[in-house]
């Protein structure tokens, strides 16, 4: 069970948001290059990115990063 499922309305600490963004920025491009050989599929990564995008604590710069990551997920085949 994820943090979001346990505490759906809980605010995230800015450091946790930064860590999640850094993780997704690092992993999603590698995943998109691996394609179908990856353990996790496109739906999994899209959900991770969209869940992060829903937090009101995100700064405009963080929203831009999330959008860029989401575009990477959406264009992966």
PDB file of N, CA and C in Angstrom:
ATOM      1  N   UNK A   1       0.841  -1.167   0.000  1.00  0.00           N
ATOM      2  CA  UNK A   1       0.000   0.000   0.000  1.00  0.00           C
ATOM      3  C   UNK A   1       0.896   1.244   0.000  1.00  0.00           C
ATOM      4  N   UNK A   2       0.560   2.202  -0.859  1.00  0.00           N
ATOM      5  CA  UNK A   2       1.385   3.402  -0.978  1.00  0.00           C
ATOM      6  C   UNK A   2       0.966   4.455   0.043  1.00  0.00           C
ATOM      7  N   UNK A   3       1.826   5.428   0.217  1.00  0.00           N
ATOM      8  CA  UNK A   3       1.539   6.561   1.103  1.00  0.00           C
ATOM      9  C   UNK A   3       0.238   7.229   0.682  1.00  0.00           C
ATOM     10  N   UNK A   4       0.047   7.383  -0.635  1.00  0.00           N
ATOM     11  CA  UNK A   4      -1.142   8.060  -1.154  1.00  0.00           C
ATOM     12  C   UNK A   4      -2.424   7.310  -0.818  1.00  0.00           C
ATOM     13  N   UNK A   5      -2.363   5.985  -0.798  1.00  0.00           N
ATOM     14  CA  UNK A   5      -3.545   5.205  -0.464  1.00  0.00           C
ATOM     15  C   UNK A   5      -3.838   5.265   1.030  1.00  0.00           C
ATOM     16  N   UNK A   6      -2.793   5.345   1.833  1.00  0.00           N
ATOM     17  CA  UNK A   6      -2.963   5.382   3.278  1.00  0.00           C
ATOM     18  C   UNK A   6      -3.411   6.755   3.754  1.00  0.00           C
ATOM     19  N   UNK A   7      -2.805   7.799   3.194  1.00  0.00           N
ATOM     20  CA  UNK A   7      -3.103   9.167   3.590  1.00  0.00           C
ATOM     21  C   UNK A   7      -3.402  10.003   2.344  1.00  0.00           C
ATOM     22  N   UNK A   8      -4.569   9.811   1.720  1.00  0.00           N
ATOM     23  CA  UNK A   8      -4.844  10.447   0.437  1.00  0.00           C
ATOM     24  C   UNK A   8      -4.840  11.974   0.466  1.00  0.00           C
ATOM     25  N   UNK A   9      -5.173  12.594   1.580  1.00  0.00           N
ATOM     26  CA  UNK A   9      -5.245  14.051   1.651  1.00  0.00           C
ATOM     27  C   UNK A   9      -4.078  14.664   2.410  1.00  0.00           C
ATOM     28  N   UNK A  10      -3.093  13.867   2.746  1.00  0.00           N
ATOM     29  CA  UNK A  10      -1.961  14.355   3.532  1.00  0.00           C
ATOM     30  C   UNK A  10      -1.027  15.187   2.658  1.00  0.00           C
ATOM     31  N   UNK A  11      -0.557  16.276   3.242  1.00  0.00           N
ATOM     32  CA  UNK A  11       0.424  17.105   2.543  1.00  0.00           C
ATOM     33  C   UNK A  11       1.761  16.388   2.547  1.00  0.00           C
ATOM     34  N   UNK A  12       2.535  16.605   1.511  1.00  0.00           N
ATOM     35  CA  UNK A  12       3.857  16.003   1.440  1.00  0.00           C
ATOM     36  C   UNK A  12       4.898  17.042   1.794  1.00  0.00           C
ATOM     37  N   UNK A  13       5.882  16.607   2.502  1.00  0.00           N
ATOM     38  CA  UNK A  13       6.999  17.479   2.849  1.00  0.00           C
ATOM     39  C   UNK A  13       7.739  17.832   1.555  1.00  0.00           C
ATOM     40  N   UNK A  14       8.196  19.083   1.410  1.00  0.00           N
ATOM     41  CA  UNK A  14       8.905  19.479   0.181  1.00  0.00           C
ATOM     42  C   UNK A  14      10.086  18.582  -0.174  1.00  0.00           C
ATOM     43  N   UNK A  15      10.787  18.063   0.817  1.00  0.00           N
ATOM     44  CA  UNK A  15      11.916  17.183   0.542  1.00  0.00           C
ATOM     45  C   UNK A  15      11.446  15.879  -0.094  1.00  0.00           C
ATOM     46  N   UNK A  16      10.320  15.345   0.353  1.00  0.00           N
ATOM     47  CA  UNK A  16       9.789  14.118  -0.245  1.00  0.00           C
ATOM     48  C   UNK A  16       9.381  14.347  -1.694  1.00  0.00           C
ATOM     49  N   UNK A  17       8.811  15.514  -1.965  1.00  0.00           N
ATOM     50  CA  UNK A  17       8.429  15.841  -3.331  1.00  0.00           C
ATOM     51  C   UNK A  17       9.677  15.913  -4.205  1.00  0.00           C
ATOM     52  N   UNK A  18      10.710  16.590  -3.726  1.00  0.00           N
ATOM     53  CA  UNK A  18      11.962  16.701  -4.483  1.00  0.00           C
ATOM     54  C   UNK A  18      12.578  15.323  -4.736  1.00  0.00           C
ATOM     55  N   UNK A  19      12.539  14.463  -3.736  1.00  0.00           N
ATOM     56  CA  UNK A  19      13.096  13.122  -3.895  1.00  0.00           C
ATOM     57  C   UNK A  19      12.307  12.320  -4.925  1.00  0.00           C
ATOM     58  N   UNK A  20      10.999  12.432  -4.889  1.00  0.00           N
ATOM     59  CA  UNK A  20      10.161  11.717  -5.852  1.00  0.00           C
ATOM     60  C   UNK A  20      10.414  12.241  -7.270  1.00  0.00           C
ATOM     61  N   UNK A  21      10.514  13.549  -7.411  1.00  0.00           N
ATOM     62  CA  UNK A  21      10.806  14.129  -8.722  1.00  0.00           C
ATOM     63  C   UNK A  21      12.159  13.651  -9.250  1.00  0.00           C
ATOM     64  N   UNK A  22      13.166  13.685  -8.395  1.00  0.00           N
ATOM     65  CA  UNK A  22      14.503  13.254  -8.794  1.00  0.00           C
ATOM     66  C   UNK A  22      14.483  11.785  -9.225  1.00  0.00           C
ATOM     67  N   UNK A  23      13.765  10.965  -8.482  1.00  0.00           N
ATOM     68  CA  UNK A  23      13.658   9.547  -8.807  1.00  0.00           C
ATOM     69  C   UNK A  23      13.000   9.364 -10.179  1.00  0.00           C
ATOM     70  N   UNK A  24      11.869  10.028 -10.379  1.00  0.00           N
ATOM     71  CA  UNK A  24      11.158   9.880 -11.643  1.00  0.00           C
ATOM     72  C   UNK A  24      11.964  10.430 -12.817  1.00  0.00           C
ATOM     73  N   UNK A  25      12.673  11.533 -12.605  1.00  0.00           N
ATOM     74  CA  UNK A  25      13.518  12.084 -13.665  1.00  0.00           C
ATOM     75  C   UNK A  25      14.636  11.119 -14.064  1.00  0.00           C
ATOM     76  N   UNK A  26      15.106  10.366 -13.108  1.00  0.00           N
ATOM     77  CA  UNK A  26      16.182   9.416 -13.345  1.00  0.00           C
ATOM     78  C   UNK A  26      15.661   8.116 -13.977  1.00  0.00           C
ATOM     79  N   UNK A  27      14.538   7.640 -13.500  1.00  0.00           N
ATOM     80  CA  UNK A  27      14.040   6.317 -13.890  1.00  0.00           C
ATOM     81  C   UNK A  27      13.222   6.325 -15.175  1.00  0.00           C
ATOM     82  N   UNK A  28      12.340   7.296 -15.339  1.00  0.00           N
ATOM     83  CA  UNK A  28      11.417   7.264 -16.484  1.00  0.00           C
ATOM     84  C   UNK A  28      12.138   7.264 -17.829  1.00  0.00           C
ATOM     85  N   UNK A  29      13.169   8.090 -18.044  1.00  0.00           N
ATOM     86  CA  UNK A  29      13.861   7.991 -19.342  1.00  0.00           C
ATOM     87  C   UNK A  29      14.492   6.614 -19.575  1.00  0.00           C
ATOM     88  N   UNK A  30      15.050   6.031 -18.526  1.00  0.00           N
ATOM     89  CA  UNK A  30      15.616   4.679 -18.665  1.00  0.00           C
ATOM     90  C   UNK A  30      14.527   3.672 -18.975  1.00  0.00           C
ATOM     91  N   UNK A  31      13.386   3.806 -18.286  1.00  0.00           N
ATOM     92  CA  UNK A  31      12.264   2.901 -18.531  1.00  0.00           C
ATOM     93  C   UNK A  31      11.780   3.032 -19.972  1.00  0.00           C
ATOM     94  N   UNK A  32      11.657   4.257 -20.450  1.00  0.00           N
ATOM     95  CA  UNK A  32      11.126   4.452 -21.797  1.00  0.00           C
ATOM     96  C   UNK A  32      12.062   3.871 -22.855  1.00  0.00           C
ATOM     97  N   UNK A  33      13.366   3.826 -22.567  1.00  0.00           N
ATOM     98  CA  UNK A  33      14.319   3.206 -23.487  1.00  0.00           C
ATOM     99  C   UNK A  33      14.204   1.682 -23.459  1.00  0.00           C
ATOM    100  N   UNK A  34      13.891   1.119 -22.279  1.00  0.00           N
ATOM    101  CA  UNK A  34      13.758  -0.332 -22.147  1.00  0.00           C
ATOM    102  C   UNK A  34      12.474  -0.838 -22.801  1.00  0.00           C
ATOM    103  N   UNK A  35      11.450   0.013 -22.763  1.00  0.00           N
ATOM    104  CA  UNK A  35      10.173  -0.351 -23.387  1.00  0.00           C
ATOM    105  C   UNK A  35       9.505  -1.535 -22.727  1.00  0.00           C
ATOM    106  N   UNK A  36       9.112  -2.480 -23.515  1.00  0.00           N
ATOM    107  CA  UNK A  36       8.334  -3.617 -23.020  1.00  0.00           C
ATOM    108  C   UNK A  36       9.138  -4.564 -22.148  1.00  0.00           C
ATOM    109  N   UNK A  37      10.450  -4.452 -22.119  1.00  0.00           N
ATOM    110  CA  UNK A  37      11.272  -5.318 -21.298  1.00  0.00           C
ATOM    111  C   UNK A  37      11.249  -4.939 -19.830  1.00  0.00           C
ATOM    112  N   UNK A  38      10.599  -3.854 -19.488  1.00  0.00           N
ATOM    113  CA  UNK A  38      10.558  -3.370 -18.115  1.00  0.00           C
ATOM    114  C   UNK A  38       9.537  -4.137 -17.280  1.00  0.00           C
ATOM    115  N   UNK A  39       9.841  -4.263 -16.005  1.00  0.00           N
ATOM    116  CA  UNK A  39       8.924  -4.928 -15.082  1.00  0.00           C
ATOM    117  C   UNK A  39       7.641  -4.113 -14.926  1.00  0.00           C
ATOM    118  N   UNK A  40       7.780  -2.788 -14.866  1.00  0.00           N
ATOM    119  CA  UNK A  40       6.630  -1.902 -14.697  1.00  0.00           C
ATOM    120  C   UNK A  40       6.236  -1.323 -16.043  1.00  0.00           C
ATOM    121  N   UNK A  41       4.944  -1.286 -16.296  1.00  0.00           N
ATOM    122  CA  UNK A  41       4.451  -0.802 -17.575  1.00  0.00           C
ATOM    123  C   UNK A  41       4.130   0.688 -17.572  1.00  0.00           C
ATOM    124  N   UNK A  42       3.681   1.134 -18.716  1.00  0.00           N
ATOM    125  CA  UNK A  42       3.369   2.543 -18.916  1.00  0.00           C
ATOM    126  C   UNK A  42       2.300   3.036 -17.939  1.00  0.00           C
ATOM    127  N   UNK A  43       1.289   2.226 -17.683  1.00  0.00           N
ATOM    128  CA  UNK A  43       0.221   2.632 -16.766  1.00  0.00           C
ATOM    129  C   UNK A  43       0.758   2.891 -15.358  1.00  0.00           C
ATOM    130  N   UNK A  44       1.700   2.061 -14.928  1.00  0.00           N
ATOM    131  CA  UNK A  44       2.294   2.239 -13.598  1.00  0.00           C
ATOM    132  C   UNK A  44       3.001   3.577 -13.507  1.00  0.00           C
ATOM    133  N   UNK A  45       3.874   3.891 -14.479  1.00  0.00           N
ATOM    134  CA  UNK A  45       4.637   5.138 -14.423  1.00  0.00           C
ATOM    135  C   UNK A  45       3.735   6.351 -14.604  1.00  0.00           C
ATOM    136  N   UNK A  46       2.739   6.238 -15.469  1.00  0.00           N
ATOM    137  CA  UNK A  46       1.798   7.348 -15.650  1.00  0.00           C
ATOM    138  C   UNK A  46       1.079   7.640 -14.335  1.00  0.00           C
ATOM    139  N   UNK A  47       0.644   6.609 -13.630  1.00  0.00           N
ATOM    140  CA  UNK A  47      -0.044   6.812 -12.348  1.00  0.00           C
ATOM    141  C   UNK A  47       0.883   7.480 -11.340  1.00  0.00           C
ATOM    142  N   UNK A  48       2.138   7.034 -11.277  1.00  0.00           N
ATOM    143  CA  UNK A  48       3.096   7.644 -10.343  1.00  0.00           C
ATOM    144  C   UNK A  48       3.251   9.133 -10.608  1.00  0.00           C
ATOM    145  N   UNK A  49       3.380   9.492 -11.890  1.00  0.00           N
ATOM    146  CA  UNK A  49       3.576  10.892 -12.251  1.00  0.00           C
ATOM    147  C   UNK A  49       2.308  11.704 -11.984  1.00  0.00           C
ATOM    148  N   UNK A  50       1.170  11.177 -12.362  1.00  0.00           N
ATOM    149  CA  UNK A  50      -0.092  11.895 -12.155  1.00  0.00           C
ATOM    150  C   UNK A  50      -0.388  12.054 -10.673  1.00  0.00           C
ATOM    151  N   UNK A  51      -0.125  11.040  -9.878  1.00  0.00           N
ATOM    152  CA  UNK A  51      -0.324  11.155  -8.430  1.00  0.00           C
ATOM    153  C   UNK A  51       0.523  12.288  -7.859  1.00  0.00           C
ATOM    154  N   UNK A  52       1.746  12.398  -8.326  1.00  0.00           N
ATOM    155  CA  UNK A  52       2.621  13.467  -7.849  1.00  0.00           C
ATOM    156  C   UNK A  52       2.106  14.831  -8.313  1.00  0.00           C
ATOM    157  N   UNK A  53       1.605  14.905  -9.521  1.00  0.00           N
ATOM    158  CA  UNK A  53       1.117  16.172 -10.077  1.00  0.00           C
ATOM    159  C   UNK A  53      -0.071  16.730  -9.301  1.00  0.00           C
ATOM    160  N   UNK A  54      -0.780  15.885  -8.602  1.00  0.00           N
ATOM    161  CA  UNK A  54      -1.983  16.322  -7.876  1.00  0.00           C
ATOM    162  C   UNK A  54      -1.701  17.045  -6.562  1.00  0.00           C
ATOM    163  N   UNK A  55      -0.455  17.041  -6.110  1.00  0.00           N
ATOM    164  CA  UNK A  55      -0.154  17.676  -4.835  1.00  0.00           C
ATOM    165  C   UNK A  55      -0.101  19.185  -4.990  1.00  0.00           C
ATOM    166  N   UNK A  56      -0.888  19.900  -4.192  1.00  0.00           N
ATOM    167  CA  UNK A  56      -0.909  21.367  -4.295  1.00  0.00           C
ATOM    168  C   UNK A  56       0.394  22.017  -3.846  1.00  0.00           C
ATOM    169  N   UNK A  57       1.264  21.282  -3.192  1.00  0.00           N
ATOM    170  CA  UNK A  57       2.526  21.831  -2.701  1.00  0.00           C
ATOM    171  C   UNK A  57       3.560  22.047  -3.807  1.00  0.00           C
ATOM    172  N   UNK A  58       3.292  21.522  -5.004  1.00  0.00           N
ATOM    173  CA  UNK A  58       4.261  21.652  -6.088  1.00  0.00           C
ATOM    174  C   UNK A  58       4.435  23.110  -6.497  1.00  0.00           C
ATOM    175  N   UNK A  59       5.669  23.473  -6.759  1.00  0.00           N
ATOM    176  CA  UNK A  59       5.979  24.814  -7.261  1.00  0.00           C
ATOM    177  C   UNK A  59       5.747  24.823  -8.778  1.00  0.00           C
ATOM    178  N   UNK A  60       5.692  25.998  -9.389  1.00  0.00           N
ATOM    179  CA  UNK A  60       5.556  26.041 -10.857  1.00  0.00           C
ATOM    180  C   UNK A  60       6.687  25.287 -11.570  1.00  0.00           C
ATOM    181  N   UNK A  61       7.896  25.408 -11.074  1.00  0.00           N
ATOM    182  CA  UNK A  61       9.013  24.680 -11.672  1.00  0.00           C
ATOM    183  C   UNK A  61       8.815  23.162 -11.555  1.00  0.00           C
ATOM    184  N   UNK A  62       8.333  22.717 -10.405  1.00  0.00           N
ATOM    185  CA  UNK A  62       8.084  21.289 -10.214  1.00  0.00           C
ATOM    186  C   UNK A  62       6.964  20.807 -11.133  1.00  0.00           C
ATOM    187  N   UNK A  63       5.939  21.636 -11.331  1.00  0.00           N
ATOM    188  CA  UNK A  63       4.874  21.272 -12.274  1.00  0.00           C
ATOM    189  C   UNK A  63       5.436  21.093 -13.679  1.00  0.00           C
ATOM    190  N   UNK A  64       6.359  21.965 -14.067  1.00  0.00           N
ATOM    191  CA  UNK A  64       6.978  21.860 -15.393  1.00  0.00           C
ATOM    192  C   UNK A  64       7.769  20.553 -15.513  1.00  0.00           C
ATOM    193  N   UNK A  65       8.480  20.181 -14.460  1.00  0.00           N
ATOM    194  CA  UNK A  65       9.234  18.928 -14.462  1.00  0.00           C
ATOM    195  C   UNK A  65       8.283  17.743 -14.575  1.00  0.00           C
ATOM    196  N   UNK A  66       7.209  17.772 -13.811  1.00  0.00           N
ATOM    197  CA  UNK A  66       6.214  16.692 -13.849  1.00  0.00           C
ATOM    198  C   UNK A  66       5.633  16.581 -15.252  1.00  0.00           C
ATOM    199  N   UNK A  67       5.333  17.718 -15.882  1.00  0.00           N
ATOM    200  CA  UNK A  67       4.780  17.698 -17.241  1.00  0.00           C
ATOM    201  C   UNK A  67       5.766  17.071 -18.218  1.00  0.00           C
ATOM    202  N   UNK A  68       7.040  17.403 -18.091  1.00  0.00           N
ATOM    203  CA  UNK A  68       8.070  16.850 -18.966  1.00  0.00           C
ATOM    204  C   UNK A  68       8.185  15.327 -18.769  1.00  0.00           C
ATOM    205  N   UNK A  69       8.125  14.890 -17.513  1.00  0.00           N
ATOM    206  CA  UNK A  69       8.192  13.448 -17.234  1.00  0.00           C
ATOM    207  C   UNK A  69       6.964  12.741 -17.804  1.00  0.00           C
ATOM    208  N   UNK A  70       5.794  13.357 -17.647  1.00  0.00           N
ATOM    209  CA  UNK A  70       4.566  12.765 -18.154  1.00  0.00           C
ATOM    210  C   UNK A  70       4.607  12.640 -19.685  1.00  0.00           C
ATOM    211  N   UNK A  71       5.170  13.624 -20.349  1.00  0.00           N
ATOM    212  CA  UNK A  71       5.308  13.546 -21.810  1.00  0.00           C
ATOM    213  C   UNK A  71       6.209  12.369 -22.196  1.00  0.00           C
ATOM    214  N   UNK A  72       7.260  12.159 -21.417  1.00  0.00           N
ATOM    215  CA  UNK A  72       8.156  11.030 -21.667  1.00  0.00           C
ATOM    216  C   UNK A  72       7.418   9.708 -21.505  1.00  0.00           C
ATOM    217  N   UNK A  73       6.605   9.603 -20.463  1.00  0.00           N
ATOM    218  CA  UNK A  73       5.829   8.380 -20.236  1.00  0.00           C
ATOM    219  C   UNK A  73       4.837   8.172 -21.384  1.00  0.00           C
ATOM    220  N   UNK A  74       4.159   9.233 -21.768  1.00  0.00           N
ATOM    221  CA  UNK A  74       3.117   9.120 -22.785  1.00  0.00           C
ATOM    222  C   UNK A  74       3.658   8.804 -24.175  1.00  0.00           C
ATOM    223  N   UNK A  75       4.900   9.192 -24.451  1.00  0.00           N
ATOM    224  CA  UNK A  75       5.450   8.936 -25.788  1.00  0.00           C
ATOM    225  C   UNK A  75       6.201   7.606 -25.871  1.00  0.00           C
ATOM    226  N   UNK A  76       6.417   6.961 -24.738  1.00  0.00           N
ATOM    227  CA  UNK A  76       7.104   5.665 -24.740  1.00  0.00           C
ATOM    228  C   UNK A  76       6.206   4.605 -25.355  1.00  0.00           C
ATOM    229  N   UNK A  77       6.802   3.751 -26.117  1.00  0.00           N
ATOM    230  CA  UNK A  77       6.024   2.673 -26.757  1.00  0.00           C
ATOM    231  C   UNK A  77       6.582   1.346 -26.354  1.00  0.00           C
TER     232      UNK A  77
END
